[in-house]
Protein backbone atom coordinates (compact mmCIF):
# COMPACT_ATOMS: atom_id res chain seq x y z
CA MET A 1 0.09 14.62 23.58
CA SER A 2 2.15 12.79 21.43
CA LYS A 3 1.43 12.22 17.74
CA VAL A 4 2.42 9.81 15.10
CA GLN A 5 2.45 11.32 11.45
CA LEU A 6 0.69 8.97 9.02
CA VAL A 7 0.66 9.05 4.97
CA TYR A 8 -2.06 7.74 3.02
CA THR A 9 -0.59 4.79 0.86
CA GLY A 10 -3.71 3.34 -0.95
CA ILE A 11 -6.79 1.84 -0.98
CA SER A 12 -7.82 -1.94 -0.37
CA GLN A 13 -10.89 -3.82 -1.08
CA ILE A 14 -12.65 -6.09 1.39
CA VAL A 15 -13.04 -9.22 -0.46
CA GLY A 16 -16.23 -11.32 -0.06
CA GLY A 17 -17.67 -8.27 2.13
CA PRO A 18 -20.12 -5.72 1.68
CA GLU A 19 -19.33 -2.89 -0.60
CA LEU A 20 -16.45 -1.55 2.03
CA GLY A 21 -12.88 -0.97 1.11
CA LEU A 22 -10.05 -0.20 3.45
CA LEU A 23 -7.91 3.18 3.92
CA ILE A 24 -4.25 2.26 4.36
CA LEU A 25 -2.17 4.96 6.48
CA SER A 26 1.14 4.11 7.10
CA ASP A 27 3.97 5.86 9.53
CA LEU A 28 6.48 7.97 7.93
CA SER A 29 9.05 4.83 7.88
CA HIS A 30 6.36 2.51 6.37
CA THR A 31 6.99 0.07 9.08
CA ARG A 32 3.37 0.18 10.85
CA GLN A 33 0.27 0.53 9.15
CA VAL A 34 -3.52 1.23 10.28
CA ALA A 35 -6.56 0.54 8.27
CA ILE A 36 -9.52 2.62 8.14
CA VAL A 37 -12.99 0.84 6.91
CA CYS A 38 -14.64 3.10 4.24
CA ASP A 39 -17.89 2.78 2.00
CA GLY A 40 -17.57 1.94 -1.49
CA ARG A 41 -18.62 5.78 -2.52
CA MET A 42 -15.61 6.79 -0.58
CA GLU A 43 -13.21 4.24 -2.38
CA TYR A 44 -14.56 5.78 -5.61
CA GLU A 45 -13.79 9.51 -4.40
CA LEU A 46 -10.24 8.58 -3.60
CA GLY A 47 -9.73 6.98 -6.70
CA LEU A 48 -10.67 9.83 -8.88
CA ARG A 49 -7.66 11.89 -6.80
CA THR A 50 -4.95 9.16 -8.31
CA GLY A 51 -5.92 9.84 -11.55
CA ASP A 52 -6.21 13.26 -13.86
CA ALA A 53 -6.46 16.37 -11.91
CA ALA A 54 -8.98 17.97 -14.40
CA VAL A 55 -11.62 15.54 -13.25
CA THR A 56 -11.83 16.57 -10.08
CA GLU A 57 -11.34 20.27 -10.15
CA ARG A 58 -15.27 20.95 -10.22
CA LEU A 59 -15.67 18.66 -7.51
CA LEU A 60 -17.27 20.02 -4.07
CA PRO A 61 -14.14 19.10 -2.02
CA GLU A 62 -11.74 20.80 -4.58
CA VAL A 63 -13.91 24.07 -4.69
CA LEU A 64 -14.40 24.68 -1.13
CA CYS A 65 -10.46 24.25 -0.38
CA SER A 66 -9.87 26.73 -3.80
CA VAL A 67 -12.33 29.41 -2.22
CA ASN A 68 -11.07 29.14 1.46
CA PRO A 69 -7.07 29.81 1.08
CA ARG A 70 -6.40 28.90 4.48
CA MET A 71 -7.66 25.32 4.21
CA THR A 72 -3.88 24.24 4.00
CA GLY A 73 -1.21 22.57 5.66
CA VAL A 74 0.12 25.63 7.34
CA HIS A 75 -3.21 26.43 9.15
CA TYR A 76 -5.12 23.04 9.35
CA GLU A 77 -4.06 19.02 10.04
CA ILE A 78 -5.98 16.01 10.71
CA LEU A 79 -5.77 13.98 14.06
CA PHE A 80 -6.91 11.17 14.66
CA ASN A 81 -7.76 10.29 18.56
CA SER A 82 -9.90 7.81 19.05
CA ILE A 83 -11.68 4.50 18.42
CA ILE A 84 -15.54 3.94 19.15
CA ASP A 85 -17.83 1.19 18.37
CA GLY A 86 -15.32 0.04 15.22
CA GLN A 87 -15.08 3.70 14.13
CA TYR A 88 -11.95 6.12 14.16
CA LYS A 89 -13.11 9.33 15.36
CA ALA A 90 -11.00 12.16 13.31
CA LEU A 91 -10.74 16.11 14.05
CA LEU A 92 -10.05 18.76 11.67
CA VAL A 93 -7.53 21.05 13.68
CA ASP A 94 -7.04 24.36 13.32
CA LYS A 95 -3.54 24.96 14.26
CA ASP A 96 -4.20 28.76 14.30
CA ASP A 97 -7.05 28.90 17.41
CA LEU A 98 -6.75 25.41 18.12
CA SER A 99 -10.24 24.90 17.60
CA LEU A 100 -11.31 21.34 16.86
CA THR A 101 -13.97 19.93 14.33
CA PRO A 102 -14.97 16.47 14.31
CA VAL A 103 -15.36 14.87 10.83
CA ARG A 104 -15.75 11.48 9.50
CA ALA A 105 -12.59 9.47 9.51
CA SER A 106 -12.46 8.42 5.58
CA ASP A 107 -13.61 12.24 4.91
CA ALA A 108 -10.95 13.29 7.09
CA VAL A 109 -8.49 11.27 4.70
CA LEU A 110 -10.16 12.37 1.49
CA LEU A 111 -9.82 16.22 2.91
CA ALA A 112 -6.10 15.81 3.81
CA GLN A 113 -5.42 14.46 0.07
CA VAL A 114 -7.25 17.08 -1.49
CA ALA A 115 -5.89 20.15 0.64
CA LYS A 116 -2.35 18.71 1.32
CA LEU A 117 -3.06 18.47 5.22
CA ASP A 118 -0.63 16.37 7.48
CA ILE A 119 -2.48 13.59 8.76
CA PHE A 120 -1.68 12.38 12.65
CA MET A 121 -2.46 10.01 15.31
CA GLU A 122 -2.44 9.80 18.94
CA GLU A 123 0.78 7.82 19.73
CA HIS A 124 -1.02 5.45 22.24
CA LEU A 125 -3.98 4.80 19.57
CA PHE A 126 -1.52 4.14 17.03
CA ASN A 127 0.68 2.12 19.27
CA ARG A 128 -2.36 -0.26 20.09
CA GLN A 129 -4.04 -0.08 16.43
CA SER A 130 -1.29 -0.27 13.91
CA VAL A 131 -0.01 -3.43 12.43
CA GLY A 132 3.19 -4.51 10.75
CA ASN A 133 3.35 -3.21 7.28
CA HIS A 134 4.36 -6.34 5.11
CA ALA A 135 4.87 -4.70 1.80
CA ASP A 136 5.00 -8.15 0.24
CA ARG A 137 1.49 -9.42 1.71
CA ASN A 138 -1.52 -9.73 0.13
CA LYS A 139 -3.68 -9.46 3.49
CA ILE A 140 -3.99 -6.59 5.88
CA ALA A 141 -4.62 -7.37 9.62
CA LEU A 142 -7.02 -5.24 11.15
CA PRO A 143 -7.66 -4.83 14.72
CA VAL A 144 -11.11 -6.43 15.76
CA ASN A 145 -12.25 -3.14 17.52
CA ALA A 146 -11.97 -1.41 14.38
CA LEU A 147 -14.87 -3.00 12.96
CA SER A 148 -18.58 -2.11 13.30
CA VAL A 149 -21.36 -4.49 15.04
CA GLU A 150 -22.53 -5.53 11.54
CA MET A 151 -18.90 -6.70 9.84
CA LEU A 152 -18.24 -8.62 13.33
CA ARG A 153 -21.40 -10.34 12.87
CA GLN A 154 -20.57 -11.71 9.27
CA ALA A 155 -16.99 -12.34 10.28
CA LEU A 156 -18.56 -14.49 13.31
CA ASP A 157 -20.59 -16.17 10.85
CA LYS A 158 -17.81 -16.89 8.57
CA ALA A 159 -15.41 -17.91 11.47
CA ILE A 160 -18.30 -20.36 12.08
CA GLU A 161 -18.58 -21.64 8.88
CA ASP A 162 -15.11 -22.00 8.13
CA GLU A 163 -14.51 -23.80 11.72
CA ASN A 164 -12.12 -21.11 12.96
CA TYR A 165 -13.59 -21.47 16.32
CA GLU A 166 -10.74 -19.46 18.04
CA LEU A 167 -11.55 -16.86 16.22
CA ALA A 168 -15.30 -16.94 16.56
CA SER A 169 -14.77 -17.28 20.15
CA MET A 170 -12.66 -13.44 20.21
CA LEU A 171 -15.36 -12.14 17.81
CA ARG A 172 -18.28 -13.45 20.10
CA ASP A 173 -16.22 -11.83 22.79
CA GLU A 174 -15.99 -8.55 21.23
CA LEU A 175 -19.78 -8.30 20.31
CA LYS A 176 -20.38 -8.80 23.87
CA HIS A 177 -17.97 -6.32 25.29
CA ARG A 178 -19.76 -4.00 22.88
CA LYS A 179 -23.39 -4.73 24.11
CA LYS A 180 -22.47 -4.56 27.51
CA GLU A 181 -20.63 -0.92 26.72
CA GLY A 182 -23.94 0.18 24.47
């Protein structure tokens, strides 16, 4: 299995949408990126970690990492290995015994930030899901299969309202595809 190392580069709010944000992960050369949908609470939690460390030292992720001295990049890493129904699937990989523990994608990014863990994505998934990283743009592309069903429905309604029928058709097709699989 080939994998691509990623770094957390920041968070962006979804304008005009529900209380959701996008966690932006980039490859090491910062040429391509993926966006992972997160809720407003995770957006807040990651925001706390960009400020004063004293604010977070008694929060649960930091406390758990401090009581488990193995929770470091020497022993663990994060691996994104698939996307199902609009949600990335992440694993906490124990590099010593190769055991895998499923973890919510946004929680995996938070844990990686707190414990200084490396983040990887399987190469085929990264190649399929990533988009060019254009630092000078204010917009972030998000593959349709990275959206939840609810987000797809909202985007479909907006596309119809904006008379963007090409986008509406693509979103409708994705919803039909998901309905068949479910």
